All heavy atoms as atom14 arrays in JSON, in Angstrom:
{
  "sequence": "RDRLQAAQQQLTWVPFEGGHGIPGVVLGRL",
  "atom14_mask": [
    [1, 1, 1, 1, 1, 1, 1, 1, 1, 1, 1, 0, 0, 0],
    [1, 1, 1, 1, 1, 1, 1, 1, 0, 0, 0, 0, 0, 0],
    [1, 1, 1, 1, 1, 1, 1, 1, 1, 1, 1, 0, 0, 0],
    [1, 1, 1, 1, 1, 1, 1, 1, 0, 0, 0, 0, 0, 0],
    [1, 1, 1, 1, 1, 1, 1, 1, 1, 0, 0, 0, 0, 0],
    [1, 1, 1, 1, 1, 0, 0, 0, 0, 0, 0, 0, 0, 0],
    [1, 1, 1, 1, 1, 0, 0, 0, 0, 0, 0, 0, 0, 0],
    [1, 1, 1, 1, 1, 1, 1, 1, 1, 0, 0, 0, 0, 0],
    [1, 1, 1, 1, 1, 1, 1, 1, 1, 0, 0, 0, 0, 0],
    [1, 1, 1, 1, 1, 1, 1, 1, 1, 0, 0, 0, 0, 0],
    [1, 1, 1, 1, 1, 1, 1, 1, 0, 0, 0, 0, 0, 0],
    [1, 1, 1, 1, 1, 1, 1, 0, 0, 0, 0, 0, 0, 0],
    [1, 1, 1, 1, 1, 1, 1, 1, 1, 1, 1, 1, 1, 1],
    [1, 1, 1, 1, 1, 1, 1, 0, 0, 0, 0, 0, 0, 0],
    [1, 1, 1, 1, 1, 1, 1, 0, 0, 0, 0, 0, 0, 0],
    [1, 1, 1, 1, 1, 1, 1, 1, 1, 1, 1, 0, 0, 0],
    [1, 1, 1, 1, 1, 1, 1, 1, 1, 0, 0, 0, 0, 0],
    [1, 1, 1, 1, 0, 0, 0, 0, 0, 0, 0, 0, 0, 0],
    [1, 1, 1, 1, 0, 0, 0, 0, 0, 0, 0, 0, 0, 0],
    [1, 1, 1, 1, 1, 1, 1, 1, 1, 1, 0, 0, 0, 0],
    [1, 1, 1, 1, 0, 0, 0, 0, 0, 0, 0, 0, 0, 0],
    [1, 1, 1, 1, 1, 1, 1, 1, 0, 0, 0, 0, 0, 0],
    [1, 1, 1, 1, 1, 1, 1, 0, 0, 0, 0, 0, 0, 0],
    [1, 1, 1, 1, 0, 0, 0, 0, 0, 0, 0, 0, 0, 0],
    [1, 1, 1, 1, 1, 1, 1, 0, 0, 0, 0, 0, 0, 0],
    [1, 1, 1, 1, 1, 1, 1, 0, 0, 0, 0, 0, 0, 0],
    [1, 1, 1, 1, 1, 1, 1, 1, 0, 0, 0, 0, 0, 0],
    [1, 1, 1, 1, 0, 0, 0, 0, 0, 0, 0, 0, 0, 0],
    [1, 1, 1, 1, 1, 1, 1, 1, 1, 1, 1, 0, 0, 0],
    [1, 1, 1, 1, 1, 1, 1, 1, 0, 0, 0, 0, 0, 0]
  ],
  "atom14_positions": [
    [[5.82, -3.58, 5.51], [4.42, -3.41, 5.98], [4.25, -3.91, 7.41], [3.7, -3.24, 8.27], [3.49, -4.17, 5.05], [2.01, -4.18, 5.5], [1.3, -5.36, 4.89], [1.83, -6.65, 5.37], [1.55, -7.84, 4.82], [0.7, -7.89, 3.79], [2.08, -8.95, 5.29], [0.0, 0.0, 0.0], [0.0, 0.0, 0.0], [0.0, 0.0, 0.0]],
    [[4.76, -5.15, 7.66], [4.59, -5.75, 8.96], [5.3, -4.97, 10.05], [4.79, -4.8, 11.17], [5.13, -7.19, 8.95], [4.26, -8.11, 8.08], [3.13, -7.73, 7.72], [4.73, -9.23, 7.77], [0.0, 0.0, 0.0], [0.0, 0.0, 0.0], [0.0, 0.0, 0.0], [0.0, 0.0, 0.0], [0.0, 0.0, 0.0], [0.0, 0.0, 0.0]],
    [[6.43, -4.41, 9.72], [7.17, -3.62, 10.72], [6.54, -2.27, 11.01], [6.54, -1.82, 12.13], [8.65, -3.48, 10.29], [9.39, -4.81, 10.36], [10.83, -4.72, 9.97], [11.48, -6.01, 10.16], [12.7, -6.29, 9.76], [13.42, -5.36, 9.11], [13.22, -7.49, 9.98], [0.0, 0.0, 0.0], [0.0, 0.0, 0.0], [0.0, 0.0, 0.0]],
    [[5.97, -1.67, 9.98], [5.21, -0.44, 10.19], [4.01, -0.66, 11.07], [3.68, 0.12, 11.92], [4.83, 0.18, 8.85], [5.99, 0.7, 7.99], [5.5, 1.07, 6.59], [6.64, 1.93, 8.65], [0.0, 0.0, 0.0], [0.0, 0.0, 0.0], [0.0, 0.0, 0.0], [0.0, 0.0, 0.0], [0.0, 0.0, 0.0], [0.0, 0.0, 0.0]],
    [[3.32, -1.77, 10.79], [2.15, -2.12, 11.61], [2.53, -2.42, 13.04], [1.83, -2.04, 13.99], [1.38, -3.28, 10.96], [0.68, -2.9, 9.65], [0.04, -4.09, 8.98], [0.48, -5.2, 9.11], [-1.02, -3.81, 8.24], [0.0, 0.0, 0.0], [0.0, 0.0, 0.0], [0.0, 0.0, 0.0], [0.0, 0.0, 0.0], [0.0, 0.0, 0.0]],
    [[3.64, -3.14, 13.21], [4.09, -3.47, 14.56], [4.47, -2.23, 15.37], [4.33, -2.17, 16.58], [5.3, -4.43, 14.5], [0.0, 0.0, 0.0], [0.0, 0.0, 0.0], [0.0, 0.0, 0.0], [0.0, 0.0, 0.0], [0.0, 0.0, 0.0], [0.0, 0.0, 0.0], [0.0, 0.0, 0.0], [0.0, 0.0, 0.0], [0.0, 0.0, 0.0]],
    [[4.93, -1.18, 14.62], [5.27, 0.09, 15.26], [4.03, 0.97, 15.46], [4.16, 2.14, 15.87], [6.31, 0.83, 14.42], [0.0, 0.0, 0.0], [0.0, 0.0, 0.0], [0.0, 0.0, 0.0], [0.0, 0.0, 0.0], [0.0, 0.0, 0.0], [0.0, 0.0, 0.0], [0.0, 0.0, 0.0], [0.0, 0.0, 0.0], [0.0, 0.0, 0.0]],
    [[2.86, 0.44, 15.17], [1.57, 1.11, 15.38], [1.44, 2.39, 14.58], [0.87, 3.39, 15.02], [1.36, 1.38, 16.87], [1.34, 0.11, 17.72], [1.13, 0.41, 19.18], [0.33, 1.27, 19.56], [1.86, -0.31, 20.04], [0.0, 0.0, 0.0], [0.0, 0.0, 0.0], [0.0, 0.0, 0.0], [0.0, 0.0, 0.0], [0.0, 0.0, 0.0]],
    [[2.01, 2.36, 13.36], [1.77, 3.49, 12.46], [0.43, 3.33, 11.79], [-0.13, 2.23, 11.7], [2.91, 3.57, 11.44], [4.29, 3.7, 12.07], [4.38, 4.8, 13.12], [3.84, 5.89, 12.94], [5.09, 4.51, 14.22], [0.0, 0.0, 0.0], [0.0, 0.0, 0.0], [0.0, 0.0, 0.0], [0.0, 0.0, 0.0], [0.0, 0.0, 0.0]],
    [[-0.14, 4.4, 11.28], [-1.46, 4.42, 10.68], [-1.37, 4.06, 9.19], [-1.33, 4.9, 8.33], [-2.09, 5.81, 10.86], [-3.56, 5.9, 10.48], [-4.12, 7.29, 10.74], [-3.7, 7.99, 11.67], [-5.04, 7.7, 9.89], [0.0, 0.0, 0.0], [0.0, 0.0, 0.0], [0.0, 0.0, 0.0], [0.0, 0.0, 0.0], [0.0, 0.0, 0.0]],
    [[-1.26, 2.76, 8.94], [-0.89, 2.29, 7.61], [-2.09, 1.98, 6.72], [-3.04, 1.33, 7.14], [-0.06, 1.02, 7.74], [0.48, 0.41, 6.42], [1.48, 1.36, 5.79], [1.1, -0.97, 6.69], [0.0, 0.0, 0.0], [0.0, 0.0, 0.0], [0.0, 0.0, 0.0], [0.0, 0.0, 0.0], [0.0, 0.0, 0.0], [0.0, 0.0, 0.0]],
    [[-2.03, 2.5, 5.51], [-2.98, 2.12, 4.43], [-2.21, 1.28, 3.45], [-1.3, 1.78, 2.78], [-3.55, 3.36, 3.73], [-4.29, 4.14, 4.69], [-4.49, 2.95, 2.62], [0.0, 0.0, 0.0], [0.0, 0.0, 0.0], [0.0, 0.0, 0.0], [0.0, 0.0, 0.0], [0.0, 0.0, 0.0], [0.0, 0.0, 0.0], [0.0, 0.0, 0.0]],
    [[-2.55, -0.01, 3.36], [-1.78, -0.95, 2.55], [-2.58, -1.32, 1.3], [-3.75, -1.76, 1.38], [-1.5, -2.19, 3.39], [-1.05, -3.44, 2.69], [-1.71, -4.64, 2.64], [0.17, -3.64, 1.96], [-0.96, -5.58, 1.95], [0.19, -4.99, 1.49], [1.25, -2.8, 1.62], [1.25, -5.51, 0.73], [2.3, -3.32, 0.86], [2.27, -4.64, 0.42]],
    [[-1.98, -1.11, 0.11], [-2.68, -1.35, -1.15], [-1.82, -2.27, -2.04], [-1.02, -1.82, -2.86], [-2.96, -0.02, -1.91], [-3.79, -0.29, -3.18], [-3.69, 0.97, -1.0], [0.0, 0.0, 0.0], [0.0, 0.0, 0.0], [0.0, 0.0, 0.0], [0.0, 0.0, 0.0], [0.0, 0.0, 0.0], [0.0, 0.0, 0.0], [0.0, 0.0, 0.0]],
    [[-1.97, -3.57, -1.86], [-1.32, -4.51, -2.81], [-2.15, -4.58, -4.1], [-3.37, -4.31, -4.05], [-1.34, -5.82, -2.06], [-2.58, -5.73, -1.2], [-2.72, -4.28, -0.81], [0.0, 0.0, 0.0], [0.0, 0.0, 0.0], [0.0, 0.0, 0.0], [0.0, 0.0, 0.0], [0.0, 0.0, 0.0], [0.0, 0.0, 0.0], [0.0, 0.0, 0.0]],
    [[-1.51, -4.87, -5.19], [-2.26, -4.96, -6.46], [-1.66, -6.05, -7.35], [-0.5, -6.43, -7.17], [-2.29, -3.61, -7.18], [-0.93, -3.05, -7.53], [-0.29, -3.36, -8.73], [-0.25, -2.22, -6.63], [0.93, -2.82, -9.06], [1.01, -1.68, -6.93], [1.6, -2.01, -8.14], [0.0, 0.0, 0.0], [0.0, 0.0, 0.0], [0.0, 0.0, 0.0]],
    [[-2.46, -6.51, -8.26], [-2.01, -7.54, -9.22], [-1.25, -6.78, -10.34], [-1.82, -6.05, -11.11], [-3.19, -8.31, -9.82], [-4.03, -9.01, -8.76], [-3.24, -10.01, -7.91], [-2.3, -10.61, -8.46], [-3.56, -10.14, -6.72], [0.0, 0.0, 0.0], [0.0, 0.0, 0.0], [0.0, 0.0, 0.0], [0.0, 0.0, 0.0], [0.0, 0.0, 0.0]],
    [[0.05, -7.0, -10.4], [0.81, -6.31, -11.39], [2.29, -6.21, -10.97], [2.69, -6.8, -9.96], [0.0, 0.0, 0.0], [0.0, 0.0, 0.0], [0.0, 0.0, 0.0], [0.0, 0.0, 0.0], [0.0, 0.0, 0.0], [0.0, 0.0, 0.0], [0.0, 0.0, 0.0], [0.0, 0.0, 0.0], [0.0, 0.0, 0.0], [0.0, 0.0, 0.0]],
    [[3.03, -5.47, -11.75], [4.46, -5.4, -11.55], [4.93, -4.13, -10.85], [4.28, -3.62, -9.9], [0.0, 0.0, 0.0], [0.0, 0.0, 0.0], [0.0, 0.0, 0.0], [0.0, 0.0, 0.0], [0.0, 0.0, 0.0], [0.0, 0.0, 0.0], [0.0, 0.0, 0.0], [0.0, 0.0, 0.0], [0.0, 0.0, 0.0], [0.0, 0.0, 0.0]],
    [[6.01, -3.58, -11.35], [6.66, -2.42, -10.68], [6.0, -1.16, -11.25], [6.42, -0.61, -12.27], [8.16, -2.45, -11.05], [8.99, -1.6, -10.14], [9.05, -1.73, -8.8], [9.87, -0.58, -10.45], [9.9, -0.85, -8.29], [10.4, -0.15, -9.28], [0.0, 0.0, 0.0], [0.0, 0.0, 0.0], [0.0, 0.0, 0.0], [0.0, 0.0, 0.0]],
    [[4.93, -0.7, -10.63], [4.2, 0.43, -11.21], [3.24, 1.09, -10.29], [3.2, 0.84, -9.09], [0.0, 0.0, 0.0], [0.0, 0.0, 0.0], [0.0, 0.0, 0.0], [0.0, 0.0, 0.0], [0.0, 0.0, 0.0], [0.0, 0.0, 0.0], [0.0, 0.0, 0.0], [0.0, 0.0, 0.0], [0.0, 0.0, 0.0], [0.0, 0.0, 0.0]],
    [[2.44, 2.0, -10.89], [1.45, 2.78, -10.15], [0.14, 2.67, -10.95], [-0.16, 3.49, -11.82], [1.84, 4.27, -10.06], [3.28, 4.41, -9.5], [0.87, 5.02, -9.15], [3.79, 5.82, -9.48], [0.0, 0.0, 0.0], [0.0, 0.0, 0.0], [0.0, 0.0, 0.0], [0.0, 0.0, 0.0], [0.0, 0.0, 0.0], [0.0, 0.0, 0.0]],
    [[-0.64, 1.67, -10.68], [-1.94, 1.5, -11.37], [-2.98, 2.46, -10.84], [-2.8, 3.13, -9.82], [-2.31, 0.04, -11.06], [-1.66, -0.24, -9.78], [-0.39, 0.55, -9.73], [0.0, 0.0, 0.0], [0.0, 0.0, 0.0], [0.0, 0.0, 0.0], [0.0, 0.0, 0.0], [0.0, 0.0, 0.0], [0.0, 0.0, 0.0], [0.0, 0.0, 0.0]],
    [[-4.11, 2.52, -11.53], [-5.15, 3.43, -11.17], [-5.68, 3.23, -9.77], [-6.04, 4.17, -9.07], [0.0, 0.0, 0.0], [0.0, 0.0, 0.0], [0.0, 0.0, 0.0], [0.0, 0.0, 0.0], [0.0, 0.0, 0.0], [0.0, 0.0, 0.0], [0.0, 0.0, 0.0], [0.0, 0.0, 0.0], [0.0, 0.0, 0.0], [0.0, 0.0, 0.0]],
    [[-5.77, 1.99, -9.34], [-6.29, 1.73, -8.0], [-5.4, 2.33, -6.95], [-5.91, 2.82, -5.92], [-6.43, 0.19, -7.74], [-5.06, -0.51, -7.75], [-7.14, -0.09, -6.44], [0.0, 0.0, 0.0], [0.0, 0.0, 0.0], [0.0, 0.0, 0.0], [0.0, 0.0, 0.0], [0.0, 0.0, 0.0], [0.0, 0.0, 0.0], [0.0, 0.0, 0.0]],
    [[-4.11, 2.41, -7.18], [-3.21, 3.03, -6.22], [-3.47, 4.53, -6.16], [-3.55, 5.13, -5.08], [-1.75, 2.74, -6.59], [-0.78, 3.61, -5.8], [-1.44, 1.27, -6.38], [0.0, 0.0, 0.0], [0.0, 0.0, 0.0], [0.0, 0.0, 0.0], [0.0, 0.0, 0.0], [0.0, 0.0, 0.0], [0.0, 0.0, 0.0], [0.0, 0.0, 0.0]],
    [[-3.58, 5.17, -7.33], [-3.82, 6.6, -7.37], [-5.14, 6.97, -6.71], [-5.24, 7.96, -5.99], [-3.79, 7.11, -8.81], [-2.4, 7.12, -9.47], [-2.53, 7.54, -10.95], [-1.44, 8.0, -8.75], [0.0, 0.0, 0.0], [0.0, 0.0, 0.0], [0.0, 0.0, 0.0], [0.0, 0.0, 0.0], [0.0, 0.0, 0.0], [0.0, 0.0, 0.0]],
    [[-6.15, 6.13, -6.94], [-7.45, 6.42, -6.34], [-7.44, 6.34, -4.83], [-7.97, 7.19, -4.14], [0.0, 0.0, 0.0], [0.0, 0.0, 0.0], [0.0, 0.0, 0.0], [0.0, 0.0, 0.0], [0.0, 0.0, 0.0], [0.0, 0.0, 0.0], [0.0, 0.0, 0.0], [0.0, 0.0, 0.0], [0.0, 0.0, 0.0], [0.0, 0.0, 0.0]],
    [[-6.77, 5.31, -4.31], [-6.71, 5.15, -2.87], [-5.83, 6.23, -2.22], [-6.11, 6.72, -1.14], [-6.14, 3.76, -2.52], [-7.06, 2.6, -2.86], [-8.22, 2.49, -1.91], [-7.8, 2.26, -0.53], [-7.47, 1.06, -0.04], [-7.58, -0.02, -0.81], [-7.14, 0.92, 1.22], [0.0, 0.0, 0.0], [0.0, 0.0, 0.0], [0.0, 0.0, 0.0]],
    [[-4.76, 6.6, -2.93], [-3.87, 7.68, -2.43], [-4.62, 9.0, -2.4], [-4.58, 9.74, -1.4], [-2.61, 7.77, -3.26], [-1.66, 8.91, -2.9], [-1.24, 8.84, -1.43], [-0.43, 8.92, -3.84], [0.0, 0.0, 0.0], [0.0, 0.0, 0.0], [0.0, 0.0, 0.0], [0.0, 0.0, 0.0], [0.0, 0.0, 0.0], [0.0, 0.0, 0.0]]
  ]
}
């Protein structure tokens, strides 16, 4: 994330409470 931001890419960052997965909040933001 930090390197993408340093390269000035248009980053949408979605951390979430949980493990190795795709929760609903991720799908909604995507």
